[in-house]
């Protein structure tokens, strides 16, 4: 998985923005102003993605390339390796799941404003 491919995938999702709020080396993707993915811009060894807590545990048990989220809430976030031990299709599936989790948790007012754009 390359950063460019992952970035293009995320930016193709509706209402996604990107920024670097934690410094020039960390890229963040947001929907409705809330983060659903973040990663190191330089080496892109993994991407942090939000996950349902029960599924997060299952994924960690099933894939050695999926670990508790680095510098994140370990219950809700996974670090997913981009270096080949997790398939690209699973990485994209988990990114979409993270996006949907965040989008679904947005306040009604924010959801409504997104729909009107």
C-alpha atoms as a PDB file:
ATOM      1  CA  UNK A   1       0.000   0.000   0.000  1.00  0.00           C
ATOM      2  CA  UNK A   2       1.374   3.379  -0.921  1.00  0.00           C
ATOM      3  CA  UNK A   3       0.507   6.633   0.782  1.00  0.00           C
ATOM      4  CA  UNK A   4      -0.635   8.094  -2.540  1.00  0.00           C
ATOM      5  CA  UNK A   5      -3.062   5.221  -3.148  1.00  0.00           C
ATOM      6  CA  UNK A   6      -4.444   5.420   0.398  1.00  0.00           C
ATOM      7  CA  UNK A   7      -4.746   9.205   0.181  1.00  0.00           C
ATOM      8  CA  UNK A   8      -6.632   9.033  -3.128  1.00  0.00           C
ATOM      9  CA  UNK A   9      -8.996   6.428  -1.636  1.00  0.00           C
ATOM     10  CA  UNK A  10      -9.765   8.534   1.435  1.00  0.00           C
ATOM     11  CA  UNK A  11     -10.230  11.770  -0.500  1.00  0.00           C
ATOM     12  CA  UNK A  12     -12.715  10.017  -2.801  1.00  0.00           C
ATOM     13  CA  UNK A  13     -15.039   9.429   0.182  1.00  0.00           C
ATOM     14  CA  UNK A  14     -17.776  12.044   0.581  1.00  0.00           C
ATOM     15  CA  UNK A  15     -16.934  15.190   2.558  1.00  0.00           C
ATOM     16  CA  UNK A  16     -13.397  14.105   3.511  1.00  0.00           C
ATOM     17  CA  UNK A  17     -10.773  16.722   4.283  1.00  0.00           C
ATOM     18  CA  UNK A  18      -7.090  16.355   5.093  1.00  0.00           C
ATOM     19  CA  UNK A  19      -4.729  18.376   7.240  1.00  0.00           C
ATOM     20  CA  UNK A  20      -1.616  18.151   9.409  1.00  0.00           C
ATOM     21  CA  UNK A  21      -2.698  19.344  12.887  1.00  0.00           C
ATOM     22  CA  UNK A  22       0.054  17.435  14.723  1.00  0.00           C
ATOM     23  CA  UNK A  23       2.907  18.830  12.649  1.00  0.00           C
ATOM     24  CA  UNK A  24       4.134  18.493   9.078  1.00  0.00           C
ATOM     25  CA  UNK A  25       4.900  14.762   9.371  1.00  0.00           C
ATOM     26  CA  UNK A  26       1.439  13.479  10.372  1.00  0.00           C
ATOM     27  CA  UNK A  27      -1.378  13.436   7.842  1.00  0.00           C
ATOM     28  CA  UNK A  28      -4.956  13.317   9.120  1.00  0.00           C
ATOM     29  CA  UNK A  29      -8.195  12.580   7.274  1.00  0.00           C
ATOM     30  CA  UNK A  30     -11.471  13.891   8.680  1.00  0.00           C
ATOM     31  CA  UNK A  31     -15.177  13.752   8.017  1.00  0.00           C
ATOM     32  CA  UNK A  32     -17.328  16.435   9.621  1.00  0.00           C
ATOM     33  CA  UNK A  33     -14.216  17.750  11.349  1.00  0.00           C
ATOM     34  CA  UNK A  34     -13.537  14.473  13.194  1.00  0.00           C
ATOM     35  CA  UNK A  35     -10.498  12.281  12.531  1.00  0.00           C
ATOM     36  CA  UNK A  36     -11.016   8.832  11.026  1.00  0.00           C
ATOM     37  CA  UNK A  37      -7.439   8.095   9.856  1.00  0.00           C
ATOM     38  CA  UNK A  38      -3.955   9.351  10.597  1.00  0.00           C
ATOM     39  CA  UNK A  39      -0.488   8.350   9.499  1.00  0.00           C
ATOM     40  CA  UNK A  40       3.158   9.336   9.223  1.00  0.00           C
ATOM     41  CA  UNK A  41       3.831  11.166   5.974  1.00  0.00           C
ATOM     42  CA  UNK A  42       7.494  10.233   5.733  1.00  0.00           C
ATOM     43  CA  UNK A  43       7.554   6.447   5.989  1.00  0.00           C
ATOM     44  CA  UNK A  44       3.854   5.418   6.146  1.00  0.00           C
ATOM     45  CA  UNK A  45       4.558   2.208   8.125  1.00  0.00           C
ATOM     46  CA  UNK A  46       0.989   2.013   9.409  1.00  0.00           C
ATOM     47  CA  UNK A  47      -2.285   3.915   9.535  1.00  0.00           C
ATOM     48  CA  UNK A  48      -4.339   4.474  12.682  1.00  0.00           C
ATOM     49  CA  UNK A  49      -8.020   3.699  12.105  1.00  0.00           C
ATOM     50  CA  UNK A  50     -10.997   3.776  14.433  1.00  0.00           C
ATOM     51  CA  UNK A  51     -12.719   0.431  14.942  1.00  0.00           C
ATOM     52  CA  UNK A  52     -15.611  -1.134  16.787  1.00  0.00           C
ATOM     53  CA  UNK A  53     -14.065  -2.338  20.096  1.00  0.00           C
ATOM     54  CA  UNK A  54     -15.090  -5.981  19.678  1.00  0.00           C
ATOM     55  CA  UNK A  55     -13.917  -6.131  16.077  1.00  0.00           C
ATOM     56  CA  UNK A  56     -10.660  -4.403  17.057  1.00  0.00           C
ATOM     57  CA  UNK A  57      -9.812  -7.291  19.374  1.00  0.00           C
ATOM     58  CA  UNK A  58     -10.755  -9.898  16.759  1.00  0.00           C
ATOM     59  CA  UNK A  59      -8.588  -8.218  14.126  1.00  0.00           C
ATOM     60  CA  UNK A  60      -5.599  -8.008  16.482  1.00  0.00           C
ATOM     61  CA  UNK A  61      -5.914 -11.722  17.239  1.00  0.00           C
ATOM     62  CA  UNK A  62      -6.235 -12.629  13.565  1.00  0.00           C
ATOM     63  CA  UNK A  63      -3.575 -10.370  11.982  1.00  0.00           C
ATOM     64  CA  UNK A  64      -0.082  -9.722  13.409  1.00  0.00           C
ATOM     65  CA  UNK A  65      -0.010  -6.495  11.367  1.00  0.00           C
ATOM     66  CA  UNK A  66      -2.924  -5.030  13.343  1.00  0.00           C
ATOM     67  CA  UNK A  67      -2.059  -3.753  16.804  1.00  0.00           C
ATOM     68  CA  UNK A  68      -3.601  -1.392  19.386  1.00  0.00           C
ATOM     69  CA  UNK A  69      -3.528   2.182  18.075  1.00  0.00           C
ATOM     70  CA  UNK A  70      -0.168   3.845  18.609  1.00  0.00           C
ATOM     71  CA  UNK A  71      -0.664   7.028  20.672  1.00  0.00           C
ATOM     72  CA  UNK A  72      -4.445   6.473  20.499  1.00  0.00           C
ATOM     73  CA  UNK A  73      -7.212   5.044  22.674  1.00  0.00           C
ATOM     74  CA  UNK A  74      -6.253   1.355  22.521  1.00  0.00           C
ATOM     75  CA  UNK A  75      -9.868   0.238  22.871  1.00  0.00           C
ATOM     76  CA  UNK A  76     -11.145   2.179  19.852  1.00  0.00           C
ATOM     77  CA  UNK A  77      -8.176   2.524  17.490  1.00  0.00           C
ATOM     78  CA  UNK A  78      -5.943   0.084  15.624  1.00  0.00           C
ATOM     79  CA  UNK A  79      -2.592   0.642  13.972  1.00  0.00           C
ATOM     80  CA  UNK A  80      -2.745  -1.237  10.678  1.00  0.00           C
ATOM     81  CA  UNK A  81       0.523  -2.090   8.955  1.00  0.00           C
ATOM     82  CA  UNK A  82       0.910  -0.892   5.380  1.00  0.00           C
ATOM     83  CA  UNK A  83       4.073  -2.907   4.749  1.00  0.00           C
ATOM     84  CA  UNK A  84       2.503  -6.018   3.250  1.00  0.00           C
ATOM     85  CA  UNK A  85       1.376  -8.169   6.160  1.00  0.00           C
ATOM     86  CA  UNK A  86      -2.186  -6.799   5.919  1.00  0.00           C
ATOM     87  CA  UNK A  87      -3.787  -6.901   2.481  1.00  0.00           C
ATOM     88  CA  UNK A  88      -4.514  -3.645   0.693  1.00  0.00           C
ATOM     89  CA  UNK A  89      -8.167  -4.630   0.383  1.00  0.00           C
ATOM     90  CA  UNK A  90      -8.457  -5.114   4.157  1.00  0.00           C
ATOM     91  CA  UNK A  91      -6.713  -1.786   4.832  1.00  0.00           C
ATOM     92  CA  UNK A  92      -9.217  -0.021   2.579  1.00  0.00           C
ATOM     93  CA  UNK A  93     -12.136  -1.913   4.144  1.00  0.00           C
ATOM     94  CA  UNK A  94     -10.983  -0.838   7.618  1.00  0.00           C
ATOM     95  CA  UNK A  95     -10.518   2.753   6.442  1.00  0.00           C
ATOM     96  CA  UNK A  96     -14.082   2.775   5.105  1.00  0.00           C
ATOM     97  CA  UNK A  97     -15.341   1.264   8.381  1.00  0.00           C
ATOM     98  CA  UNK A  98     -13.502   3.965  10.343  1.00  0.00           C
ATOM     99  CA  UNK A  99     -14.986   6.657   8.096  1.00  0.00           C
ATOM    100  CA  UNK A 100     -18.496   5.222   8.576  1.00  0.00           C
ATOM    101  CA  UNK A 101     -18.054   4.980  12.373  1.00  0.00           C
ATOM    102  CA  UNK A 102     -17.022   8.619  12.594  1.00  0.00           C
ATOM    103  CA  UNK A 103     -19.635   9.821  10.122  1.00  0.00           C
ATOM    104  CA  UNK A 104     -22.325   7.936  12.030  1.00  0.00           C
ATOM    105  CA  UNK A 105     -21.275   9.514  15.330  1.00  0.00           C
ATOM    106  CA  UNK A 106     -21.491  13.104  14.094  1.00  0.00           C
ATOM    107  CA  UNK A 107     -24.125  15.359  15.645  1.00  0.00           C
ATOM    108  CA  UNK A 108     -27.310  15.733  13.601  1.00  0.00           C
ATOM    109  CA  UNK A 109     -26.528  19.381  12.833  1.00  0.00           C
ATOM    110  CA  UNK A 110     -23.146  18.426  11.320  1.00  0.00           C
ATOM    111  CA  UNK A 111     -24.658  15.535   9.335  1.00  0.00           C
ATOM    112  CA  UNK A 112     -27.333  17.865   7.982  1.00  0.00           C
ATOM    113  CA  UNK A 113     -24.747  20.458   6.957  1.00  0.00           C
ATOM    114  CA  UNK A 114     -22.739  17.776   5.123  1.00  0.00           C
ATOM    115  CA  UNK A 115     -25.813  16.614   3.229  1.00  0.00           C
ATOM    116  CA  UNK A 116     -26.557  20.155   2.069  1.00  0.00           C
ATOM    117  CA  UNK A 117     -23.086  20.594   0.569  1.00  0.00           C
END
